[in-house]
Amino acid sequence: RPNRTRSARARHTHATALLRAAVRLEVASELLTHGSVQTTM
C-alpha cells in the first residue's frame, strides 16, 4: 500500500523546492495540479 504520509511529504518538498526556485506561482500551481493559483497560495 502506498504510504500517504510519505507521499504528502514528497509533495510538500516538491512544492517548497518550486517556490524556493522562484518558479512563477501559476507554473507551480499547474505542476502541483491545484485547481487554482489561490489553492497554492
PDB file of all heavy atoms in Angstrom:
ATOM      1  N   ARG A   1       0.843  -1.198   0.000  1.00  0.00           N
ATOM      2  CA  ARG A   1       0.000   0.000   0.000  1.00  0.00           C
ATOM      3  C   ARG A   1       0.873   1.241   0.000  1.00  0.00           C
ATOM      4  O   ARG A   1       1.899   1.283   0.665  1.00  0.00           O
ATOM      5  CB  ARG A   1      -0.902   0.021   1.227  1.00  0.00           C
ATOM      6  CG  ARG A   1      -1.963  -1.022   1.169  1.00  0.00           C
ATOM      7  CD  ARG A   1      -3.017  -0.842   2.206  1.00  0.00           C
ATOM      8  NE  ARG A   1      -2.601  -0.028   3.332  1.00  0.00           N
ATOM      9  CZ  ARG A   1      -3.074  -0.147   4.545  1.00  0.00           C
ATOM     10  NH1 ARG A   1      -3.962  -1.067   4.803  1.00  0.00           N
ATOM     11  NH2 ARG A   1      -2.676   0.638   5.514  1.00  0.00           N
ATOM     12  N   PRO A   2       0.469   2.265  -0.728  1.00  0.00           N
ATOM     13  CA  PRO A   2       1.252   3.496  -0.712  1.00  0.00           C
ATOM     14  C   PRO A   2       1.201   4.147   0.667  1.00  0.00           C
ATOM     15  O   PRO A   2       0.184   4.113   1.349  1.00  0.00           O
ATOM     16  CB  PRO A   2       0.580   4.376  -1.757  1.00  0.00           C
ATOM     17  CG  PRO A   2      -0.763   3.788  -1.976  1.00  0.00           C
ATOM     18  CD  PRO A   2      -0.692   2.337  -1.582  1.00  0.00           C
ATOM     19  N   ASN A   3       2.311   4.721   1.065  1.00  0.00           N
ATOM     20  CA  ASN A   3       2.380   5.411   2.343  1.00  0.00           C
ATOM     21  C   ASN A   3       1.930   6.846   2.123  1.00  0.00           C
ATOM     22  O   ASN A   3       2.622   7.650   1.519  1.00  0.00           O
ATOM     23  CB  ASN A   3       3.813   5.363   2.876  1.00  0.00           C
ATOM     24  CG  ASN A   3       3.936   5.977   4.241  1.00  0.00           C
ATOM     25  OD1 ASN A   3       3.272   6.959   4.560  1.00  0.00           O
ATOM     26  ND2 ASN A   3       4.810   5.406   5.046  1.00  0.00           N
ATOM     27  N   ARG A   4       0.750   7.193   2.609  1.00  0.00           N
ATOM     28  CA  ARG A   4       0.184   8.526   2.383  1.00  0.00           C
ATOM     29  C   ARG A   4       1.024   9.622   3.022  1.00  0.00           C
ATOM     30  O   ARG A   4       1.164  10.697   2.465  1.00  0.00           O
ATOM     31  CB  ARG A   4      -1.247   8.578   2.876  1.00  0.00           C
ATOM     32  CG  ARG A   4      -2.182   7.717   2.064  1.00  0.00           C
ATOM     33  CD  ARG A   4      -3.602   7.808   2.590  1.00  0.00           C
ATOM     34  NE  ARG A   4      -4.415   6.759   2.049  1.00  0.00           N
ATOM     35  CZ  ARG A   4      -5.216   6.923   1.003  1.00  0.00           C
ATOM     36  NH1 ARG A   4      -5.303   8.062   0.418  1.00  0.00           N
ATOM     37  NH2 ARG A   4      -5.940   5.917   0.558  1.00  0.00           N
ATOM     38  N   THR A   5       1.581   9.357   4.184  1.00  0.00           N
ATOM     39  CA  THR A   5       2.413  10.359   4.844  1.00  0.00           C
ATOM     40  C   THR A   5       3.654  10.642   4.011  1.00  0.00           C
ATOM     41  O   THR A   5       4.034  11.793   3.812  1.00  0.00           O
ATOM     42  CB  THR A   5       2.818   9.888   6.257  1.00  0.00           C
ATOM     43  OG1 THR A   5       1.641   9.626   6.998  1.00  0.00           O
ATOM     44  CG2 THR A   5       3.655  10.917   6.959  1.00  0.00           C
ATOM     45  N   ARG A   6       4.275   9.618   3.502  1.00  0.00           N
ATOM     46  CA  ARG A   6       5.470   9.785   2.679  1.00  0.00           C
ATOM     47  C   ARG A   6       5.131  10.542   1.397  1.00  0.00           C
ATOM     48  O   ARG A   6       5.885  11.417   0.972  1.00  0.00           O
ATOM     49  CB  ARG A   6       6.081   8.423   2.356  1.00  0.00           C
ATOM     50  CG  ARG A   6       7.487   8.526   1.818  1.00  0.00           C
ATOM     51  CD  ARG A   6       8.140   7.173   1.670  1.00  0.00           C
ATOM     52  NE  ARG A   6       8.198   6.499   2.952  1.00  0.00           N
ATOM     53  CZ  ARG A   6       8.219   5.188   3.096  1.00  0.00           C
ATOM     54  NH1 ARG A   6       8.178   4.404   2.047  1.00  0.00           N
ATOM     55  NH2 ARG A   6       8.264   4.641   4.292  1.00  0.00           N
ATOM     56  N   SER A   7       4.000  10.245   0.800  1.00  0.00           N
ATOM     57  CA  SER A   7       3.576  10.938  -0.416  1.00  0.00           C
ATOM     58  C   SER A   7       3.309  12.407  -0.141  1.00  0.00           C
ATOM     59  O   SER A   7       3.694  13.275  -0.935  1.00  0.00           O
ATOM     60  CB  SER A   7       2.309  10.295  -0.986  1.00  0.00           C
ATOM     61  OG  SER A   7       2.558   8.977  -1.368  1.00  0.00           O
ATOM     62  N   ALA A   8       2.669  12.706   0.976  1.00  0.00           N
ATOM     63  CA  ALA A   8       2.377  14.099   1.328  1.00  0.00           C
ATOM     64  C   ALA A   8       3.658  14.874   1.574  1.00  0.00           C
ATOM     65  O   ALA A   8       3.788  16.033   1.158  1.00  0.00           O
ATOM     66  CB  ALA A   8       1.478  14.153   2.553  1.00  0.00           C
ATOM     67  N   ARG A   9       4.608  14.241   2.240  1.00  0.00           N
ATOM     68  CA  ARG A   9       5.898  14.903   2.474  1.00  0.00           C
ATOM     69  C   ARG A   9       6.627  15.177   1.166  1.00  0.00           C
ATOM     70  O   ARG A   9       7.205  16.251   0.991  1.00  0.00           O
ATOM     71  CB  ARG A   9       6.782  14.042   3.375  1.00  0.00           C
ATOM     72  CG  ARG A   9       6.383  14.074   4.804  1.00  0.00           C
ATOM     73  CD  ARG A   9       7.355  13.292   5.632  1.00  0.00           C
ATOM     74  NE  ARG A   9       6.852  13.147   6.975  1.00  0.00           N
ATOM     75  CZ  ARG A   9       7.305  12.247   7.823  1.00  0.00           C
ATOM     76  NH1 ARG A   9       8.265  11.417   7.459  1.00  0.00           N
ATOM     77  NH2 ARG A   9       6.805  12.180   9.034  1.00  0.00           N
ATOM     78  N   ALA A  10       6.609  14.218   0.278  1.00  0.00           N
ATOM     79  CA  ALA A  10       7.276  14.402  -1.013  1.00  0.00           C
ATOM     80  C   ALA A  10       6.610  15.525  -1.794  1.00  0.00           C
ATOM     81  O   ALA A  10       7.295  16.352  -2.417  1.00  0.00           O
ATOM     82  CB  ALA A  10       7.255  13.100  -1.814  1.00  0.00           C
ATOM     83  N   ARG A  11       5.311  15.589  -1.757  1.00  0.00           N
ATOM     84  CA  ARG A  11       4.582  16.650  -2.452  1.00  0.00           C
ATOM     85  C   ARG A  11       4.915  18.019  -1.862  1.00  0.00           C
ATOM     86  O   ARG A  11       5.146  18.974  -2.591  1.00  0.00           O
ATOM     87  CB  ARG A  11       3.080  16.370  -2.361  1.00  0.00           C
ATOM     88  CG  ARG A  11       2.208  17.353  -3.077  1.00  0.00           C
ATOM     89  CD  ARG A  11       0.755  16.901  -2.992  1.00  0.00           C
ATOM     90  NE  ARG A  11      -0.131  17.869  -3.561  1.00  0.00           N
ATOM     91  CZ  ARG A  11      -0.404  17.964  -4.861  1.00  0.00           C
ATOM     92  NH1 ARG A  11       0.154  17.136  -5.716  1.00  0.00           N
ATOM     93  NH2 ARG A  11      -1.234  18.880  -5.298  1.00  0.00           N
ATOM     94  N   HIS A  12       4.951  18.104  -0.527  1.00  0.00           N
ATOM     95  CA  HIS A  12       5.272  19.368   0.125  1.00  0.00           C
ATOM     96  C   HIS A  12       6.720  19.780  -0.180  1.00  0.00           C
ATOM     97  O   HIS A  12       6.998  20.949  -0.434  1.00  0.00           O
ATOM     98  CB  HIS A  12       5.048  19.261   1.633  1.00  0.00           C
ATOM     99  CG  HIS A  12       5.262  20.547   2.343  1.00  0.00           C
ATOM    100  ND1 HIS A  12       4.344  21.572   2.314  1.00  0.00           N
ATOM    101  CD2 HIS A  12       6.296  20.985   3.087  1.00  0.00           C
ATOM    102  CE1 HIS A  12       4.814  22.591   3.010  1.00  0.00           C
ATOM    103  NE2 HIS A  12       5.983  22.251   3.497  1.00  0.00           N
ATOM    104  N   THR A  13       7.622  18.813  -0.180  1.00  0.00           N
ATOM    105  CA  THR A  13       9.016  19.100  -0.515  1.00  0.00           C
ATOM    106  C   THR A  13       9.128  19.617  -1.940  1.00  0.00           C
ATOM    107  O   THR A  13       9.868  20.576  -2.212  1.00  0.00           O
ATOM    108  CB  THR A  13       9.879  17.834  -0.328  1.00  0.00           C
ATOM    109  OG1 THR A  13       9.790  17.431   1.040  1.00  0.00           O
ATOM    110  CG2 THR A  13      11.327  18.085  -0.697  1.00  0.00           C
ATOM    111  N   HIS A  14       8.404  19.009  -2.846  1.00  0.00           N
ATOM    112  CA  HIS A  14       8.395  19.432  -4.242  1.00  0.00           C
ATOM    113  C   HIS A  14       7.860  20.863  -4.362  1.00  0.00           C
ATOM    114  O   HIS A  14       8.456  21.703  -5.035  1.00  0.00           O
ATOM    115  CB  HIS A  14       7.544  18.473  -5.071  1.00  0.00           C
ATOM    116  CG  HIS A  14       7.396  18.853  -6.501  1.00  0.00           C
ATOM    117  ND1 HIS A  14       8.455  18.877  -7.385  1.00  0.00           N
ATOM    118  CD2 HIS A  14       6.312  19.258  -7.204  1.00  0.00           C
ATOM    119  CE1 HIS A  14       8.013  19.269  -8.564  1.00  0.00           C
ATOM    120  NE2 HIS A  14       6.734  19.501  -8.480  1.00  0.00           N
ATOM    121  N   ALA A  15       6.763  21.141  -3.690  1.00  0.00           N
ATOM    122  CA  ALA A  15       6.175  22.485  -3.731  1.00  0.00           C
ATOM    123  C   ALA A  15       7.137  23.511  -3.158  1.00  0.00           C
ATOM    124  O   ALA A  15       7.331  24.599  -3.732  1.00  0.00           O
ATOM    125  CB  ALA A  15       4.861  22.509  -2.951  1.00  0.00           C
ATOM    126  N   THR A  16       7.771  23.185  -2.048  1.00  0.00           N
ATOM    127  CA  THR A  16       8.731  24.101  -1.430  1.00  0.00           C
ATOM    128  C   THR A  16       9.907  24.357  -2.359  1.00  0.00           C
ATOM    129  O   THR A  16      10.353  25.493  -2.507  1.00  0.00           O
ATOM    130  CB  THR A  16       9.218  23.529  -0.083  1.00  0.00           C
ATOM    131  OG1 THR A  16       8.084  23.319   0.756  1.00  0.00           O
ATOM    132  CG2 THR A  16      10.179  24.469   0.598  1.00  0.00           C
ATOM    133  N   ALA A  17      10.399  23.307  -3.002  1.00  0.00           N
ATOM    134  CA  ALA A  17      11.518  23.471  -3.937  1.00  0.00           C
ATOM    135  C   ALA A  17      11.130  24.371  -5.112  1.00  0.00           C
ATOM    136  O   ALA A  17      11.922  25.213  -5.544  1.00  0.00           O
ATOM    137  CB  ALA A  17      11.985  22.109  -4.447  1.00  0.00           C
ATOM    138  N   LEU A  18       9.916  24.196  -5.615  1.00  0.00           N
ATOM    139  CA  LEU A  18       9.456  25.054  -6.710  1.00  0.00           C
ATOM    140  C   LEU A  18       9.432  26.516  -6.281  1.00  0.00           C
ATOM    141  O   LEU A  18       9.920  27.397  -7.003  1.00  0.00           O
ATOM    142  CB  LEU A  18       8.056  24.630  -7.171  1.00  0.00           C
ATOM    143  CG  LEU A  18       7.940  23.303  -7.892  1.00  0.00           C
ATOM    144  CD1 LEU A  18       6.476  22.925  -8.078  1.00  0.00           C
ATOM    145  CD2 LEU A  18       8.654  23.357  -9.232  1.00  0.00           C
ATOM    146  N   LEU A  19       8.888  26.771  -5.106  1.00  0.00           N
ATOM    147  CA  LEU A  19       8.785  28.148  -4.632  1.00  0.00           C
ATOM    148  C   LEU A  19      10.152  28.722  -4.287  1.00  0.00           C
ATOM    149  O   LEU A  19      10.423  29.900  -4.532  1.00  0.00           O
ATOM    150  CB  LEU A  19       7.819  28.227  -3.450  1.00  0.00           C
ATOM    151  CG  LEU A  19       6.381  27.843  -3.807  1.00  0.00           C
ATOM    152  CD1 LEU A  19       5.518  27.792  -2.559  1.00  0.00           C
ATOM    153  CD2 LEU A  19       5.797  28.800  -4.829  1.00  0.00           C
ATOM    154  N   ARG A  20      11.038  27.909  -3.753  1.00  0.00           N
ATOM    155  CA  ARG A  20      12.405  28.365  -3.472  1.00  0.00           C
ATOM    156  C   ARG A  20      13.140  28.716  -4.751  1.00  0.00           C
ATOM    157  O   ARG A  20      14.001  29.581  -4.753  1.00  0.00           O
ATOM    158  CB  ARG A  20      13.175  27.300  -2.714  1.00  0.00           C
ATOM    159  CG  ARG A  20      12.831  27.239  -1.276  1.00  0.00           C
ATOM    160  CD  ARG A  20      13.706  26.288  -0.540  1.00  0.00           C
ATOM    161  NE  ARG A  20      13.401  26.365   0.879  1.00  0.00           N
ATOM    162  CZ  ARG A  20      13.825  25.508   1.767  1.00  0.00           C
ATOM    163  NH1 ARG A  20      14.575  24.498   1.404  1.00  0.00           N
ATOM    164  NH2 ARG A  20      13.505  25.661   3.033  1.00  0.00           N
ATOM    165  N   ALA A  21      12.803  28.021  -5.807  1.00  0.00           N
ATOM    166  CA  ALA A  21      13.448  28.273  -7.089  1.00  0.00           C
ATOM    167  C   ALA A  21      12.824  29.460  -7.815  1.00  0.00           C
ATOM    168  O   ALA A  21      13.181  29.741  -8.950  1.00  0.00           O
ATOM    169  CB  ALA A  21      13.358  27.030  -7.969  1.00  0.00           C
ATOM    170  N   ALA A  22      11.912  30.136  -7.138  1.00  0.00           N
ATOM    171  CA  ALA A  22      11.243  31.318  -7.686  1.00  0.00           C
ATOM    172  C   ALA A  22      10.449  30.987  -8.954  1.00  0.00           C
ATOM    173  O   ALA A  22      10.317  31.810  -9.851  1.00  0.00           O
ATOM    174  CB  ALA A  22      12.232  32.442  -7.943  1.00  0.00           C
ATOM    175  N   VAL A  23       9.923  29.765  -9.006  1.00  0.00           N
ATOM    176  CA  VAL A  23       9.042  29.387 -10.106  1.00  0.00           C
ATOM    177  C   VAL A  23       7.765  30.212  -9.965  1.00  0.00           C
ATOM    178  O   VAL A  23       7.257  30.402  -8.860  1.00  0.00           O
ATOM    179  CB  VAL A  23       8.714  27.873 -10.040  1.00  0.00           C
ATOM    180  CG1 VAL A  23       7.655  27.494 -11.054  1.00  0.00           C
ATOM    181  CG2 VAL A  23       9.971  27.064 -10.249  1.00  0.00           C
ATOM    182  N   ARG A  24       7.298  30.732 -11.086  1.00  0.00           N
ATOM    183  CA  ARG A  24       6.058  31.526 -11.048  1.00  0.00           C
ATOM    184  C   ARG A  24       4.948  30.709 -10.395  1.00  0.00           C
ATOM    185  O   ARG A  24       4.814  29.504 -10.619  1.00  0.00           O
ATOM    186  CB  ARG A  24       5.654  31.938 -12.456  1.00  0.00           C
ATOM    187  CG  ARG A  24       6.540  32.988 -13.060  1.00  0.00           C
ATOM    188  CD  ARG A  24       5.994  33.576 -14.366  1.00  0.00           C
ATOM    189  NE  ARG A  24       4.959  32.828 -15.021  1.00  0.00           N
ATOM    190  CZ  ARG A  24       5.155  32.044 -16.089  1.00  0.00           C
ATOM    191  NH1 ARG A  24       6.338  31.926 -16.620  1.00  0.00           N
ATOM    192  NH2 ARG A  24       4.140  31.403 -16.630  1.00  0.00           N
ATOM    193  N   LEU A  25       4.157  31.382  -9.602  1.00  0.00           N
ATOM    194  CA  LEU A  25       3.084  30.724  -8.858  1.00  0.00           C
ATOM    195  C   LEU A  25       2.125  29.992  -9.784  1.00  0.00           C
ATOM    196  O   LEU A  25       1.656  28.899  -9.470  1.00  0.00           O
ATOM    197  CB  LEU A  25       2.336  31.759  -8.019  1.00  0.00           C
ATOM    198  CG  LEU A  25       1.580  31.258  -6.818  1.00  0.00           C
ATOM    199  CD1 LEU A  25       2.427  30.370  -5.922  1.00  0.00           C
ATOM    200  CD2 LEU A  25       1.027  32.418  -6.036  1.00  0.00           C
ATOM    201  N   GLU A  26       1.865  30.544 -10.947  1.00  0.00           N
ATOM    202  CA  GLU A  26       0.965  29.903 -11.909  1.00  0.00           C
ATOM    203  C   GLU A  26       1.542  28.572 -12.374  1.00  0.00           C
ATOM    204  O   GLU A  26       0.821  27.586 -12.534  1.00  0.00           O
ATOM    205  CB  GLU A  26       0.716  30.806 -13.118  1.00  0.00           C
ATOM    206  CG  GLU A  26      -0.012  32.087 -12.793  1.00  0.00           C
ATOM    207  CD  GLU A  26       0.905  33.207 -12.281  1.00  0.00           C
ATOM    208  OE1 GLU A  26       2.146  33.027 -12.250  1.00  0.00           O
ATOM    209  OE2 GLU A  26       0.374  34.246 -11.890  1.00  0.00           O
ATOM    210  N   VAL A  27       2.847  28.548 -12.604  1.00  0.00           N
ATOM    211  CA  VAL A  27       3.505  27.317 -13.071  1.00  0.00           C
ATOM    212  C   VAL A  27       3.521  26.284 -11.940  1.00  0.00           C
ATOM    213  O   VAL A  27       3.203  25.115 -12.155  1.00  0.00           O
ATOM    214  CB  VAL A  27       4.933  27.620 -13.569  1.00  0.00           C
ATOM    215  CG1 VAL A  27       5.690  26.347 -13.903  1.00  0.00           C
ATOM    216  CG2 VAL A  27       4.887  28.555 -14.768  1.00  0.00           C
ATOM    217  N   ALA A  28       3.888  26.728 -10.730  1.00  0.00           N
ATOM    218  CA  ALA A  28       3.907  25.811  -9.586  1.00  0.00           C
ATOM    219  C   ALA A  28       2.519  25.214  -9.354  1.00  0.00           C
ATOM    220  O   ALA A  28       2.384  24.016  -9.119  1.00  0.00           O
ATOM    221  CB  ALA A  28       4.396  26.539  -8.341  1.00  0.00           C
ATOM    222  N   SER A  29       1.505  26.049  -9.437  1.00  0.00           N
ATOM    223  CA  SER A  29       0.137  25.588  -9.240  1.00  0.00           C
ATOM    224  C   SER A  29      -0.233  24.510 -10.250  1.00  0.00           C
ATOM    225  O   SER A  29      -0.843  23.496  -9.910  1.00  0.00           O
ATOM    226  CB  SER A  29      -0.823  26.772  -9.345  1.00  0.00           C
ATOM    227  OG  SER A  29      -2.144  26.356  -9.150  1.00  0.00           O
ATOM    228  N   GLU A  30       0.157  24.719 -11.489  1.00  0.00           N
ATOM    229  CA  GLU A  30      -0.147  23.727 -12.533  1.00  0.00           C
ATOM    230  C   GLU A  30       0.624  22.434 -12.305  1.00  0.00           C
ATOM    231  O   GLU A  30       0.072  21.337 -12.427  1.00  0.00           O
ATOM    232  CB  GLU A  30       0.187  24.305 -13.908  1.00  0.00           C
ATOM    233  CG  GLU A  30      -0.234  23.402 -15.041  1.00  0.00           C
ATOM    234  CD  GLU A  30      -0.077  24.058 -16.395  1.00  0.00           C
ATOM    235  OE1 GLU A  30      -0.092  25.295 -16.488  1.00  0.00           O
ATOM    236  OE2 GLU A  30       0.076  23.299 -17.379  1.00  0.00           O
ATOM    237  N   LEU A  31       1.909  22.543 -11.956  1.00  0.00           N
ATOM    238  CA  LEU A  31       2.716  21.350 -11.708  1.00  0.00           C
ATOM    239  C   LEU A  31       2.211  20.555 -10.505  1.00  0.00           C
ATOM    240  O   LEU A  31       2.319  19.322 -10.477  1.00  0.00           O
ATOM    241  CB  LEU A  31       4.184  21.736 -11.493  1.00  0.00           C
ATOM    242  CG  LEU A  31       4.918  22.253 -12.725  1.00  0.00           C
ATOM    243  CD1 LEU A  31       6.275  22.817 -12.339  1.00  0.00           C
ATOM    244  CD2 LEU A  31       5.067  21.139 -13.760  1.00  0.00           C
ATOM    245  N   LEU A  32       1.654  21.261  -9.538  1.00  0.00           N
ATOM    246  CA  LEU A  32       1.113  20.602  -8.355  1.00  0.00           C
ATOM    247  C   LEU A  32      -0.323  20.128  -8.557  1.00  0.00           C
ATOM    248  O   LEU A  32      -0.923  19.557  -7.659  1.00  0.00           O
ATOM    249  CB  LEU A  32       1.178  21.558  -7.154  1.00  0.00           C
ATOM    250  CG  LEU A  32       2.588  21.917  -6.702  1.00  0.00           C
ATOM    251  CD1 LEU A  32       2.563  23.105  -5.767  1.00  0.00           C
ATOM    252  CD2 LEU A  32       3.257  20.715  -6.054  1.00  0.00           C
ATOM    253  N   THR A  33      -0.845  20.367  -9.730  1.00  0.00           N
ATOM    254  CA  THR A  33      -2.213  20.014 -10.140  1.00  0.00           C
ATOM    255  C   THR A  33      -3.266  20.587  -9.203  1.00  0.00           C
ATOM    256  O   THR A  33      -4.269  19.944  -8.902  1.00  0.00           O
ATOM    257  CB  THR A  33      -2.411  18.491 -10.303  1.00  0.00           C
ATOM    258  OG1 THR A  33      -2.237  17.838  -9.050  1.00  0.00           O
ATOM    259  CG2 THR A  33      -1.462  17.910 -11.335  1.00  0.00           C
ATOM    260  N   HIS A  34      -3.012  21.807  -8.733  1.00  0.00           N
ATOM    261  CA  HIS A  34      -4.022  22.506  -7.945  1.00  0.00           C
ATOM    262  C   HIS A  34      -5.079  23.058  -8.883  1.00  0.00           C
ATOM    263  O   HIS A  34      -4.794  23.397 -10.030  1.00  0.00           O
ATOM    264  CB  HIS A  34      -3.394  23.656  -7.153  1.00  0.00           C
ATOM    265  CG  HIS A  34      -2.557  23.188  -6.003  1.00  0.00           C
ATOM    266  ND1 HIS A  34      -1.613  23.967  -5.409  1.00  0.00           N
ATOM    267  CD2 HIS A  34      -2.539  22.013  -5.329  1.00  0.00           C
ATOM    268  CE1 HIS A  34      -1.048  23.310  -4.416  1.00  0.00           C
ATOM    269  NE2 HIS A  34      -1.593  22.110  -4.357  1.00  0.00           N
ATOM    270  N   GLY A  35      -6.282  23.167  -8.387  1.00  0.00           N
ATOM    271  CA  GLY A  35      -7.391  23.665  -9.199  1.00  0.00           C
ATOM    272  C   GLY A  35      -7.271  25.140  -9.531  1.00  0.00           C
ATOM    273  O   GLY A  35      -7.835  25.600 -10.521  1.00  0.00           O
ATOM    274  N   SER A  36      -6.531  25.861  -8.695  1.00  0.00           N
ATOM    275  CA  SER A  36      -6.358  27.295  -8.930  1.00  0.00           C
ATOM    276  C   SER A  36      -5.089  27.770  -8.249  1.00  0.00           C
ATOM    277  O   SER A  36      -4.558  27.102  -7.350  1.00  0.00           O
ATOM    278  CB  SER A  36      -7.546  28.082  -8.375  1.00  0.00           C
ATOM    279  OG  SER A  36      -7.528  28.036  -6.952  1.00  0.00           O
ATOM    280  N   VAL A  37      -4.620  28.933  -8.662  1.00  0.00           N
ATOM    281  CA  VAL A  37      -3.458  29.544  -8.033  1.00  0.00           C
ATOM    282  C   VAL A  37      -3.790  29.875  -6.575  1.00  0.00           C
ATOM    283  O   VAL A  37      -2.938  29.772  -5.693  1.00  0.00           O
ATOM    284  CB  VAL A  37      -3.016  30.802  -8.817  1.00  0.00           C
ATOM    285  CG1 VAL A  37      -1.921  31.552  -8.089  1.00  0.00           C
ATOM    286  CG2 VAL A  37      -2.551  30.407 -10.213  1.00  0.00           C
ATOM    287  N   GLN A  38      -5.035  30.230  -6.315  1.00  0.00           N
ATOM    288  CA  GLN A  38      -5.451  30.550  -4.951  1.00  0.00           C
ATOM    289  C   GLN A  38      -5.243  29.354  -4.021  1.00  0.00           C
ATOM    290  O   GLN A  38      -4.839  29.513  -2.870  1.00  0.00           O
ATOM    291  CB  GLN A  38      -6.911  31.012  -4.925  1.00  0.00           C
ATOM    292  CG  GLN A  38      -7.341  31.549  -3.579  1.00  0.00           C
ATOM    293  CD  GLN A  38      -6.579  32.805  -3.173  1.00  0.00           C
ATOM    294  OE1 GLN A  38      -6.426  33.717  -3.977  1.00  0.00           O
ATOM    295  NE2 GLN A  38      -6.099  32.841  -1.950  1.00  0.00           N
ATOM    296  N   THR A  39      -5.488  28.157  -4.522  1.00  0.00           N
ATOM    297  CA  THR A  39      -5.268  26.954  -3.713  1.00  0.00           C
ATOM    298  C   THR A  39      -3.804  26.846  -3.320  1.00  0.00           C
ATOM    299  O   THR A  39      -3.473  26.546  -2.167  1.00  0.00           O
ATOM    300  CB  THR A  39      -5.700  25.687  -4.485  1.00  0.00           C
ATOM    301  OG1 THR A  39      -7.079  25.801  -4.808  1.00  0.00           O
ATOM    302  CG2 THR A  39      -5.443  24.428  -3.685  1.00  0.00           C
ATOM    303  N   THR A  40      -2.917  27.079  -4.266  1.00  0.00           N
ATOM    304  CA  THR A  40      -1.478  27.034  -3.995  1.00  0.00           C
ATOM    305  C   THR A  40      -1.107  28.096  -2.965  1.00  0.00           C
ATOM    306  O   THR A  40      -0.372  27.824  -2.012  1.00  0.00           O
ATOM    307  CB  THR A  40      -0.675  27.248  -5.289  1.00  0.00           C
ATOM    308  OG1 THR A  40      -1.122  26.314  -6.265  1.00  0.00           O
ATOM    309  CG2 THR A  40       0.820  27.055  -5.049  1.00  0.00           C
ATOM    310  N   MET A  41      -1.629  29.300  -3.149  1.00  0.00           N
ATOM    311  CA  MET A  41      -1.329  30.382  -2.217  1.00  0.00           C
ATOM    312  C   MET A  41      -1.852  30.047  -0.825  1.00  0.00           C
ATOM    313  O   MET A  41      -1.155  30.262   0.170  1.00  0.00           O
ATOM    314  CB  MET A  41      -1.930  31.692  -2.725  1.00  0.00           C
ATOM    315  CG  MET A  41      -1.207  32.225  -3.936  1.00  0.00           C
ATOM    316  SD  MET A  41      -1.868  33.701  -4.737  1.00  0.00           S
ATOM    317  CE  MET A  41      -2.870  34.500  -3.559  1.00  0.00           C
TER     318      MET A  41
END
